[in-house]
C-alpha atoms as a PDB file:
ATOM      1  CA  VAL A   1      37.367  26.646  10.552  1.00  0.00           C
ATOM      2  CA  VAL A   2      34.645  28.269  11.786  1.00  0.00           C
ATOM      3  CA  VAL A   3      33.334  29.446   8.234  1.00  0.00           C
ATOM      4  CA  MET A   4      33.835  25.727   7.136  1.00  0.00           C
ATOM      5  CA  ALA A   5      31.596  24.534  10.406  1.00  0.00           C
ATOM      6  CA  LEU A   6      28.852  27.255   9.226  1.00  0.00           C
ATOM      7  CA  THR A   7      29.023  26.078   5.391  1.00  0.00           C
ATOM      8  CA  ILE A   8      28.800  22.272   5.277  1.00  0.00           C
ATOM      9  CA  PRO A   9      25.533  21.802   6.859  1.00  0.00           C
ATOM     10  CA  LEU A  10      24.008  24.036   4.249  1.00  0.00           C
ATOM     11  CA  ILE A  11      25.483  22.221   1.316  1.00  0.00           C
ATOM     12  CA  ALA A  12      24.788  18.167   2.777  1.00  0.00           C
ATOM     13  CA  PRO A  13      21.702  17.164   2.408  1.00  0.00           C
ATOM     14  CA  GLY A  14      19.262  16.680   5.184  1.00  0.00           C
ATOM     15  CA  VAL A  15      17.481  13.953   6.468  1.00  0.00           C
ATOM     16  CA  PHE A  16      15.506  15.471   9.524  1.00  0.00           C
ATOM     17  CA  ALA A  17      13.861  12.480  10.878  1.00  0.00           C
ATOM     18  CA  ALA A  18      14.880   8.583  10.958  1.00  0.00           C
ATOM     19  CA  SER A  19      12.456   7.080   8.651  1.00  0.00           C
ATOM     20  CA  SER A  20      10.908   3.617   8.459  1.00  0.00           C
ATOM     21  CA  VAL A  21       9.146   1.250   6.937  1.00  0.00           C
ATOM     22  CA  ASN A  22       7.145  -1.794   8.558  1.00  0.00           C
ATOM     23  CA  ILE A  23       5.891  -5.131   7.192  1.00  0.00           C
ATOM     24  CA  ASN A  24       2.650  -6.195   9.612  1.00  0.00           C
ATOM     25  CA  CYS A  25       1.267  -9.288   9.101  1.00  0.00           C
ATOM     26  CA  SER A  26       0.878 -12.828  10.471  1.00  0.00           C
ATOM     27  CA  ASP A  27       3.934 -15.251  10.356  1.00  0.00           C
ATOM     28  CA  ASN A  28       2.159 -18.115   9.281  1.00  0.00           C
ATOM     29  CA  VAL A  29      -0.954 -18.522   7.384  1.00  0.00           C
ATOM     30  CA  LYS A  30      -3.097 -21.102   5.246  1.00  0.00           C
ATOM     31  CA  GLY A  31      -2.943 -22.022   1.788  1.00  0.00           C
ATOM     32  CA  GLY A  32      -6.198 -20.929   0.293  1.00  0.00           C
ATOM     33  CA  GLU A  33      -6.705 -18.273   3.730  1.00  0.00           C
ATOM     34  CA  THR A  34      -6.768 -14.180   2.593  1.00  0.00           C
ATOM     35  CA  PHE A  35      -5.022 -12.400   4.923  1.00  0.00           C
ATOM     36  CA  THR A  36      -3.993  -8.699   5.032  1.00  0.00           C
ATOM     37  CA  ILE A  37      -0.579  -6.955   5.278  1.00  0.00           C
ATOM     38  CA  ALA A  38       0.079  -3.521   6.554  1.00  0.00           C
ATOM     39  CA  VAL A  39       2.738  -1.626   5.230  1.00  0.00           C
ATOM     40  CA  VAL A  40       3.747   1.159   7.673  1.00  0.00           C
ATOM     41  CA  PHE A  41       5.708   4.069   6.737  1.00  0.00           C
ATOM     42  CA  SER A  42       6.653   6.070   9.666  1.00  0.00           C
ATOM     43  CA  GLY A  43       9.505   8.283  11.440  1.00  0.00           C
ATOM     44  CA  GLY A  44       7.976  11.870  11.963  1.00  0.00           C
ATOM     45  CA  ASP A  45       5.153  13.300  10.114  1.00  0.00           C
ATOM     46  CA  VAL A  46       5.027  11.574   6.648  1.00  0.00           C
ATOM     47  CA  GLY A  47       3.987  13.360   3.608  1.00  0.00           C
ATOM     48  CA  ARG A  48       4.036  11.703   1.104  1.00  0.00           C
ATOM     49  CA  VAL A  49       5.784   8.406  -0.301  1.00  0.00           C
ATOM     50  CA  ASP A  50       6.178   6.522  -3.340  1.00  0.00           C
ATOM     51  CA  ALA A  51       7.476   2.960  -2.945  1.00  0.00           C
ATOM     52  CA  GLN A  52       6.401  -0.521  -4.372  1.00  0.00           C
ATOM     53  CA  MET A  53       5.843  -4.112  -2.664  1.00  0.00           C
ATOM     54  CA  THR A  54       7.012  -7.091  -4.678  1.00  0.00           C
ATOM     55  CA  TYR A  55       5.988 -10.815  -4.318  1.00  0.00           C
ATOM     56  CA  ASP A  56       5.857 -13.842  -6.301  1.00  0.00           C
ATOM     57  CA  THR A  57       2.804 -14.560  -7.842  1.00  0.00           C
ATOM     58  CA  ASP A  58       3.025 -18.394  -7.517  1.00  0.00           C
ATOM     59  CA  ASP A  59       2.928 -18.130  -3.639  1.00  0.00           C
ATOM     60  CA  LEU A  60       0.387 -15.116  -2.917  1.00  0.00           C
ATOM     61  CA  THR A  61      -2.394 -13.321  -4.957  1.00  0.00           C
ATOM     62  CA  TYR A  62      -3.072  -9.970  -4.745  1.00  0.00           C
ATOM     63  CA  ILE A  63      -6.317  -8.665  -4.152  1.00  0.00           C
ATOM     64  CA  SER A  64      -6.451  -4.755  -2.911  1.00  0.00           C
ATOM     65  CA  GLY A  65      -5.186  -2.178  -0.940  1.00  0.00           C
ATOM     66  CA  GLY A  66      -2.418  -0.566  -2.881  1.00  0.00           C
ATOM     67  CA  THR A  67      -2.615   2.146  -5.367  1.00  0.00           C
ATOM     68  CA  SER A  68      -2.419  -0.804  -8.362  1.00  0.00           C
ATOM     69  CA  LYS A  69      -4.513  -3.675  -9.886  1.00  0.00           C
ATOM     70  CA  GLY A  70      -3.996  -6.755 -11.107  1.00  0.00           C
ATOM     71  CA  ASN A  71      -2.057  -9.762  -9.751  1.00  0.00           C
ATOM     72  CA  THR A  72       1.598  -9.081 -11.517  1.00  0.00           C
ATOM     73  CA  GLY A  73       4.010  -9.403  -8.410  1.00  0.00           C
ATOM     74  CA  TYR A  74       4.158  -5.806  -8.507  1.00  0.00           C
ATOM     75  CA  ILE A  75       2.079  -3.148  -6.205  1.00  0.00           C
ATOM     76  CA  GLN A  76       2.621   0.176  -6.222  1.00  0.00           C
ATOM     77  CA  LEU A  77       2.295   2.263  -2.964  1.00  0.00           C
ATOM     78  CA  LYS A  78       1.677   5.861  -3.524  1.00  0.00           C
ATOM     79  CA  SER A  79      -0.024   8.040  -0.976  1.00  0.00           C
ATOM     80  CA  ALA A  80       0.256  11.322   0.437  1.00  0.00           C
ATOM     81  CA  GLY A  81      -0.558  12.123   4.406  1.00  0.00           C
ATOM     82  CA  THR A  82      -1.471  14.413   6.862  1.00  0.00           C
ATOM     83  CA  GLU A  83       0.392  13.976  10.003  1.00  0.00           C
ATOM     84  CA  GLY A  84       2.308  10.812  11.694  1.00  0.00           C
ATOM     85  CA  ALA A  85       2.561   7.744   9.546  1.00  0.00           C
ATOM     86  CA  ILE A  86       0.880   6.200   6.100  1.00  0.00           C
ATOM     87  CA  VAL A  87      -0.277   3.017   6.351  1.00  0.00           C
ATOM     88  CA  PHE A  88      -1.740   0.973   3.255  1.00  0.00           C
ATOM     89  CA  ASN A  89      -3.571  -2.308   3.935  1.00  0.00           C
ATOM     90  CA  LEU A  90      -2.919  -5.036   1.540  1.00  0.00           C
ATOM     91  CA  LYS A  91      -5.187  -7.945   1.231  1.00  0.00           C
ATOM     92  CA  PHE A  92      -3.732 -11.108  -0.377  1.00  0.00           C
ATOM     93  CA  GLN A  93      -4.542 -14.569  -0.794  1.00  0.00           C
ATOM     94  CA  ALA A  94      -1.965 -17.366   0.247  1.00  0.00           C
ATOM     95  CA  ILE A  95      -1.395 -19.829  -2.964  1.00  0.00           C
ATOM     96  CA  THR A  96       1.191 -22.679  -2.287  1.00  0.00           C
ATOM     97  CA  ASP A  97       2.861 -24.084   0.587  1.00  0.00           C
ATOM     98  CA  GLY A  98       6.136 -22.946   1.537  1.00  0.00           C
ATOM     99  CA  ASN A  99       7.402 -19.201   2.240  1.00  0.00           C
ATOM    100  CA  ALA A 100       6.119 -16.173   0.411  1.00  0.00           C
ATOM    101  CA  GLU A 101       8.618 -13.389   0.529  1.00  0.00           C
ATOM    102  CA  VAL A 102       7.523  -9.775   0.314  1.00  0.00           C
ATOM    103  CA  GLN A 103       9.642  -7.043  -0.078  1.00  0.00           C
ATOM    104  CA  VAL A 104       9.227  -3.055   0.130  1.00  0.00           C
ATOM    105  CA  THR A 105      11.076  -0.504  -1.441  1.00  0.00           C
ATOM    106  CA  THR A 106      10.936   3.176  -1.266  1.00  0.00           C
ATOM    107  CA  ASN A 107      11.709   5.365  -4.515  1.00  0.00           C
ATOM    108  CA  GLU A 108      10.691   8.575  -1.994  1.00  0.00           C
ATOM    109  CA  MET A 109       9.584   9.656   1.077  1.00  0.00           C
ATOM    110  CA  TYR A 110       9.000  13.486   2.329  1.00  0.00           C
ATOM    111  CA  ASP A 111       8.068  14.653   5.714  1.00  0.00           C
ATOM    112  CA  LEU A 112       4.818  18.013   5.465  1.00  0.00           C
ATOM    113  CA  ASP A 113       7.730  20.304   4.877  1.00  0.00           C
ATOM    114  CA  GLU A 114       9.055  18.378   1.923  1.00  0.00           C
ATOM    115  CA  ARG A 115      12.052  17.507   3.146  1.00  0.00           C
ATOM    116  CA  THR A 116      13.633  14.215   2.227  1.00  0.00           C
ATOM    117  CA  MET A 117      13.199  11.016   4.773  1.00  0.00           C
ATOM    118  CA  GLY A 118      15.370   8.400   3.181  1.00  0.00           C
ATOM    119  CA  THR A 119      14.328   5.654   1.452  1.00  0.00           C
ATOM    120  CA  PRO A 120      14.169   2.993   3.671  1.00  0.00           C
ATOM    121  CA  SER A 121      13.111  -0.969   2.875  1.00  0.00           C
ATOM    122  CA  ALA A 122      11.673  -3.778   4.867  1.00  0.00           C
ATOM    123  CA  TYR A 123      11.510  -7.592   3.466  1.00  0.00           C
ATOM    124  CA  LYS A 124       9.408 -10.289   5.233  1.00  0.00           C
ATOM    125  CA  THR A 125       9.234 -13.683   5.216  1.00  0.00           C
ATOM    126  CA  ILE A 126       5.009 -15.607   5.586  1.00  0.00           C
ATOM    127  CA  ALA A 127       5.034 -19.316   5.988  1.00  0.00           C
ATOM    128  CA  VAL A 128       2.136 -20.543   4.340  1.00  0.00           C
ATOM    129  CA  GLN A 129       0.820 -24.026   5.421  1.00  0.00           C
ATOM    130  CA  GLY A 130      -0.251 -26.155   2.287  1.00  0.00           C
ATOM    131  CA  ASP A 131      -1.738 -25.194  -0.939  1.00  0.00           C
ATOM    132  CA  ALA A 132      -5.174 -23.552  -1.700  1.00  0.00           C
ATOM    133  CA  SER A 133      -7.669 -25.609  -3.387  1.00  0.00           C
ATOM    134  CA  SER A 134      -8.423 -24.805  -7.066  1.00  0.00           C
ATOM    135  CA  ASP A 135     -12.192 -23.728  -6.206  1.00  0.00           C
ATOM    136  CA  GLU A 136     -11.048 -21.453  -3.495  1.00  0.00           C
ATOM    137  CA  ILE A 137      -8.352 -19.283  -5.241  1.00  0.00           C
ATOM    138  CA  VAL A 138      -9.283 -15.991  -5.975  1.00  0.00           C
ATOM    139  CA  THR A 139      -8.884 -15.293  -9.552  1.00  0.00           C
ATOM    140  CA  GLU A 140     -10.281 -11.829 -10.110  1.00  0.00           C
ATOM    141  CA  PRO A 141     -10.178  -9.144  -7.200  1.00  0.00           C
ATOM    142  CA  PRO A 142     -13.266  -7.409  -6.283  1.00  0.00           C
ATOM    143  CA  ASP A 143     -14.180  -4.399  -8.370  1.00  0.00           C
ATOM    144  CA  GLU A 144     -14.473  -1.533  -5.628  1.00  0.00           C
ATOM    145  CA  GLU A 145     -15.885   1.100  -7.951  1.00  0.00           C
ATOM    146  CA  GLN A 146     -19.430  -1.024  -8.715  1.00  0.00           C
ATOM    147  CA  PRO A 147     -22.094  -1.147  -5.949  1.00  0.00           C
ATOM    148  CA  ASP A 148     -23.134  -4.588  -4.961  1.00  0.00           C
ATOM    149  CA  GLU A 149     -26.407  -3.661  -5.883  1.00  0.00           C
ATOM    150  CA  GLU A 150     -28.377  -1.220  -8.202  1.00  0.00           C
ATOM    151  CA  GLN A 151     -29.100   1.976  -6.397  1.00  0.00           C
ATOM    152  CA  THR A 152     -31.172   4.922  -7.806  1.00  0.00           C
ATOM    153  CA  LEU A 153     -29.849   8.572  -7.168  1.00  0.00           C
ATOM    154  CA  MET A 154     -31.759  11.432  -6.332  1.00  0.00           C
ATOM    155  CA  GLY A 155     -30.769  14.582  -7.019  1.00  0.00           C
ATOM    156  CA  VAL A 156     -31.223  18.317  -6.622  1.00  0.00           C
ATOM    157  CA  ASP A 157     -31.840  19.108  -9.929  1.00  0.00           C
ATOM    158  CA  GLU A 158     -34.041  16.321 -11.144  1.00  0.00           C
ATOM    159  CA  LYS A 159     -37.652  16.889 -12.023  1.00  0.00           C
ATOM    160  CA  THR A 160     -40.799  15.008 -12.084  1.00  0.00           C
ATOM    161  CA  GLU A 161     -42.391  14.790 -15.112  1.00  0.00           C
ATOM    162  CA  GLU A 162     -45.118  16.978 -14.115  1.00  0.00           C
ATOM    163  CA  GLU A 163     -42.286  20.002 -13.156  1.00  0.00           C
ATOM    164  CA  GLU A 164     -40.740  19.476 -17.155  1.00  0.00           C
ATOM    165  CA  GLU A 165     -40.799  22.845 -19.196  1.00  0.00           C
ATOM    166  CA  PRO A 166     -42.256  22.354 -22.719  1.00  0.00           C
END
C-alpha cells in the first residue's frame, strides 16, 4: 500500500495550477463600433499558450491583436510569457444587430517550468445594437508593418559622398 501511494503520483500527469481563460469586454456594443476583447490566460505563472478564438464573420470583423491576419472567423492566440498571465487585446468591429458569439479553446497551456496547466475554454455572447452602415465597415485592417509616413533612417555605417572611397 505504501509503495502504491508513492508510485501513483509519479504516473499521473500533474496539473499544478488551476488555469483559466477569461473573455473580457463590454456586454453591449453598437453596430459599426470598434471595441476590444481582452482574452486573459491565468492561473499561475503562465509560460506559454497555444489557443484559438472563433467568431461569426457576419456578426464581427476582426481588425487586430492576435497572431493571425484576416477576417476568417478563426484567430490564433499563441504567445510565451515571463510571469503571471498572458493577455491578448483583440480589436473587433460590430457589424450586425443581434448576438455575436465568441469562443476561446486552448490547445496547450504550460507554466514557466513547462508543466501542463490544462486546456481551459471560455464563451461569451455580445449584444450588438443596430447594424453598421456599409460606409463605416472596416474592410481591410491597418497594415501594422508599414509606417504612417515615410521615414529616413540614418545608420552608423552610412557614409556621406565626401567620405566614400574611390
